Amino acid sequence: MIIQLALDRMKMEEAIELARTVESSVDWIEVGTSLIKEFGMNSIKEMRNHFPNKKIVADMKTMDNAAYEMDICFQGGANVATVMGAATDVTIQKCLEKAREYKGRIMIDLLNVSDSRLEQLRVYNQAIFCEHVSKDSQENTDQVMINMRNHTGYMRAAAGGITLSSLPEMIRKGPDVIIIGSAITKAKDPAEAARLFKETMNREKGVNEV
């Protein structure tokens, strides 16, 4: 089970320093959409340069112009890039083609994706499927419970408002990647928060496997 650190809504210097502080307790480092929008592709390149041994996730949230966006994303050093499940099939297919070209992965963001659309997306079994509660929903409706629909046979990720207290229940839902943002980045002691997430994940995973 993988911990993906989501870095958003901060300066690049802060993001790099924070990632360095928690590096030993996280597996993947996500360059969040807000960093990419504010600082461009340099945000991905900088994270790659500072963390050459980590998997870097570029939260592009691509909806169109897939070949161009994937080219600059993977050339910038990303290992994984995101595309919205609401995008057209041709866009998702192009993202997957580019990922294969660069030996990377695609994560399909299922934000606002209906069950019927999800059934159509199941043909892309080489992608990571990410169930996602949006930031606006978290901040305006206190919605943080992630509905992990049946993704048997697929690599699964969960994102949106996951906290240390909700982590055990989330682990029982069986995602392969747990994406954690503000519960680490806004903690008084981010290194300690990340360590507790890792410790709890290892403990709960062991209990659930018994």
Protein backbone atom coordinates (compact mmCIF):
# COMPACT_ATOMS: atom_id res chain seq x y z
CA MET A 1 0.00 0.00 0.00
CA ILE A 2 1.42 3.34 -1.16
CA ILE A 3 1.28 6.75 0.54
CA GLN A 4 1.10 9.55 -2.01
CA LEU A 5 1.85 13.01 -0.60
CA ALA A 6 -0.27 15.68 -2.30
CA LEU A 7 1.38 19.11 -2.41
CA ASP A 8 -0.97 21.96 -3.24
CA ARG A 9 -1.55 25.67 -2.62
CA MET A 10 1.93 26.63 -1.51
CA LYS A 11 5.12 28.08 -2.96
CA MET A 12 7.53 25.73 -4.71
CA GLU A 13 10.22 26.31 -2.08
CA GLU A 14 7.73 25.30 0.62
CA ALA A 15 6.64 22.22 -1.32
CA ILE A 16 10.21 21.02 -1.80
CA GLU A 17 11.15 21.63 1.82
CA LEU A 18 8.01 19.91 3.08
CA ALA A 19 8.57 16.90 0.82
CA ARG A 20 12.14 16.66 2.08
CA THR A 21 10.91 16.75 5.68
CA VAL A 22 8.55 13.78 5.20
CA GLU A 23 10.47 11.93 2.48
CA SER A 24 11.22 8.83 4.55
CA SER A 25 7.52 8.23 5.33
CA VAL A 26 5.95 8.71 1.89
CA ASP A 27 6.29 6.69 -1.30
CA TRP A 28 5.05 8.94 -4.11
CA ILE A 29 5.19 12.74 -4.29
CA GLU A 30 2.36 14.51 -6.07
CA VAL A 31 2.91 17.87 -7.74
CA GLY A 32 -0.60 19.17 -7.21
CA THR A 33 -2.75 20.93 -9.81
CA SER A 34 -2.36 24.29 -8.09
CA LEU A 35 1.46 24.05 -8.22
CA ILE A 36 1.39 23.13 -11.90
CA LYS A 37 -1.00 25.99 -12.70
CA GLU A 38 1.01 28.56 -10.75
CA PHE A 39 4.55 27.44 -11.55
CA GLY A 40 4.13 25.49 -14.79
CA MET A 41 6.13 22.47 -15.86
CA ASN A 42 9.09 23.69 -13.82
CA SER A 43 7.22 22.49 -10.76
CA ILE A 44 7.48 18.90 -12.03
CA LYS A 45 11.10 19.32 -13.11
CA GLU A 46 12.12 20.80 -9.75
CA MET A 47 10.47 17.99 -7.81
CA ARG A 48 12.16 15.40 -10.01
CA ASN A 49 15.55 17.08 -9.56
CA HIS A 50 15.20 17.20 -5.78
CA PHE A 51 13.79 13.68 -5.39
CA PRO A 52 15.41 11.50 -8.06
CA ASN A 53 14.50 8.26 -6.27
CA LYS A 54 10.82 8.98 -5.69
CA LYS A 55 7.90 8.42 -8.03
CA ILE A 56 6.58 11.83 -9.06
CA VAL A 57 2.87 12.22 -9.79
CA ALA A 58 1.75 15.16 -11.92
CA ASP A 59 -1.86 15.99 -11.11
CA MET A 60 -2.56 17.42 -14.56
CA LYS A 61 -6.31 16.68 -14.52
CA THR A 62 -6.12 16.57 -18.31
CA MET A 63 -9.45 17.01 -20.13
CA ASP A 64 -8.20 17.67 -23.67
CA ASN A 65 -5.02 18.19 -25.72
CA ALA A 66 -3.73 14.98 -24.25
CA ALA A 67 -0.68 14.27 -26.41
CA TYR A 68 0.82 17.72 -25.81
CA GLU A 69 0.13 17.73 -22.08
CA MET A 70 1.44 14.20 -21.57
CA ASP A 71 4.59 14.91 -23.59
CA ILE A 72 5.59 17.91 -21.48
CA CYS A 73 4.53 16.14 -18.29
CA PHE A 74 6.57 12.97 -18.80
CA GLN A 75 9.48 14.85 -20.36
CA GLY A 76 9.52 16.97 -17.21
CA GLY A 77 10.17 13.90 -15.09
CA ALA A 78 6.75 12.64 -13.99
CA ASN A 79 6.20 8.91 -13.53
CA VAL A 80 2.42 9.18 -13.23
CA ALA A 81 -0.01 11.73 -14.68
CA THR A 82 -3.72 12.23 -14.12
CA VAL A 83 -6.56 12.49 -16.63
CA MET A 84 -10.20 13.12 -15.78
CA GLY A 85 -12.55 10.18 -16.22
CA ALA A 86 -15.07 12.64 -17.67
CA ALA A 87 -12.72 13.27 -20.62
CA THR A 88 -13.48 11.68 -23.97
CA ASP A 89 -12.27 8.17 -24.69
CA VAL A 90 -9.91 9.46 -27.36
CA THR A 91 -8.27 11.74 -24.76
CA ILE A 92 -7.85 8.91 -22.25
CA GLN A 93 -6.53 6.57 -24.93
CA LYS A 94 -3.97 9.17 -26.01
CA CYS A 95 -2.84 9.63 -22.40
CA LEU A 96 -2.33 5.88 -22.07
CA GLU A 97 -0.40 5.74 -25.35
CA LYS A 98 1.92 8.50 -24.15
CA ALA A 99 2.37 6.80 -20.78
CA ARG A 100 3.49 3.62 -22.53
CA GLU A 101 5.85 5.63 -24.72
CA TYR A 102 7.54 7.13 -21.65
CA LYS A 103 7.20 3.97 -19.50
CA GLY A 104 4.92 5.85 -17.10
CA ARG A 105 1.42 5.33 -15.66
CA ILE A 106 -1.90 7.11 -16.00
CA MET A 107 -4.24 7.74 -13.09
CA ILE A 108 -7.89 8.26 -14.05
CA ASP A 109 -9.56 10.72 -11.67
CA LEU A 110 -13.14 9.54 -11.08
CA LEU A 111 -14.38 12.86 -9.68
CA ASN A 112 -18.07 13.19 -10.67
CA VAL A 113 -17.85 10.05 -12.82
CA SER A 114 -21.17 8.17 -12.86
CA ASP A 115 -21.42 4.42 -12.41
CA SER A 116 -22.37 4.05 -16.08
CA ARG A 117 -19.31 6.04 -17.20
CA LEU A 118 -17.15 4.00 -14.84
CA GLU A 119 -18.30 0.83 -16.59
CA GLN A 120 -17.10 2.31 -19.89
CA LEU A 121 -13.74 3.19 -18.33
CA ARG A 122 -13.06 -0.37 -17.17
CA VAL A 123 -11.53 -1.20 -20.55
CA TYR A 124 -8.50 0.87 -19.45
CA ASN A 125 -7.31 -1.77 -17.03
CA GLN A 126 -3.68 -0.59 -17.19
CA ALA A 127 -4.65 2.70 -15.53
CA ILE A 128 -4.88 3.52 -11.82
CA PHE A 129 -8.49 4.34 -10.84
CA CYS A 130 -8.74 7.17 -8.29
CA GLU A 131 -11.90 7.77 -6.27
CA HIS A 132 -11.83 11.42 -5.27
CA VAL A 133 -13.74 13.79 -2.99
CA SER A 134 -13.13 17.31 -4.32
CA LYS A 135 -11.56 20.09 -2.28
CA ASP A 136 -14.69 22.21 -2.68
CA SER A 137 -16.85 19.38 -1.36
CA GLN A 138 -14.53 18.94 1.61
CA GLU A 139 -14.53 22.65 2.45
CA ASN A 140 -18.19 23.42 1.81
CA THR A 141 -20.09 20.26 2.72
CA ASP A 142 -17.66 18.43 5.06
CA GLN A 143 -17.84 15.46 2.70
CA VAL A 144 -14.75 13.35 3.30
CA MET A 145 -15.98 9.77 3.08
CA ILE A 146 -14.70 8.21 -0.10
CA ASN A 147 -16.93 5.70 -1.86
CA MET A 148 -14.62 2.96 -3.12
CA ARG A 149 -16.62 1.38 -5.90
CA ASN A 150 -15.74 -2.11 -7.07
CA HIS A 151 -12.43 -1.96 -8.91
CA THR A 152 -11.41 -5.60 -8.53
CA GLY A 153 -8.50 -6.35 -10.82
CA TYR A 154 -7.48 -2.68 -11.11
CA MET A 155 -4.95 -0.60 -9.22
CA ARG A 156 -7.00 1.70 -6.98
CA ALA A 157 -6.33 5.04 -5.32
CA ALA A 158 -8.31 7.17 -2.88
CA ALA A 159 -8.05 10.94 -2.41
CA GLY A 160 -9.79 13.69 -0.54
CA GLY A 161 -9.77 14.63 3.13
CA ILE A 162 -8.20 11.44 4.49
CA THR A 163 -7.11 11.90 8.10
CA LEU A 164 -5.30 9.73 10.61
CA SER A 165 -8.63 8.89 12.28
CA SER A 166 -10.31 7.90 9.00
CA LEU A 167 -7.29 5.97 7.73
CA PRO A 168 -8.14 2.54 9.27
CA GLU A 169 -11.58 2.50 7.63
CA MET A 170 -10.08 3.62 4.33
CA ILE A 171 -7.47 0.85 4.49
CA ARG A 172 -10.28 -1.70 4.95
CA LYS A 173 -11.73 -0.52 1.63
CA GLY A 174 -8.57 -1.83 0.01
CA PRO A 175 -7.02 0.94 -2.11
CA ASP A 176 -3.49 0.44 -3.38
CA VAL A 177 -2.63 4.14 -3.14
CA ILE A 178 -3.79 6.46 -0.35
CA ILE A 179 -3.40 10.13 -1.24
CA ILE A 180 -2.88 12.42 1.73
CA GLY A 181 -2.63 16.19 1.57
CA SER A 182 -3.50 18.67 4.30
CA ALA A 183 -3.47 16.09 7.11
CA ILE A 184 0.30 16.09 6.59
CA THR A 185 1.06 19.42 4.91
CA LYS A 186 -0.92 21.51 7.44
CA ALA A 187 0.08 19.52 10.51
CA LYS A 188 2.02 21.27 13.26
CA ASP A 189 4.76 18.67 12.77
CA PRO A 190 4.49 17.28 9.20
CA ALA A 191 7.31 14.76 9.71
CA GLU A 192 5.60 13.28 12.76
CA ALA A 193 2.19 13.27 11.01
CA ALA A 194 3.65 11.42 8.02
CA ARG A 195 5.40 8.94 10.32
CA LEU A 196 2.11 8.21 12.11
CA PHE A 197 0.32 7.68 8.80
CA LYS A 198 2.97 5.20 7.71
CA GLU A 199 2.99 3.44 11.07
CA THR A 200 -0.82 3.20 11.15
CA MET A 201 -0.95 1.96 7.58
CA ASN A 202 1.60 -0.78 8.25
CA ARG A 203 -0.20 -1.82 11.44
CA GLU A 204 -3.70 -1.87 9.92
CA LYS A 205 -2.51 -3.62 6.79
CA GLY A 206 -0.96 -6.33 8.95
CA VAL A 207 -4.18 -6.74 10.95
CA ASN A 208 -6.33 -6.95 7.82
CA GLU A 209 -4.06 -9.57 6.25
CA VAL A 210 -4.25 -11.90 9.28
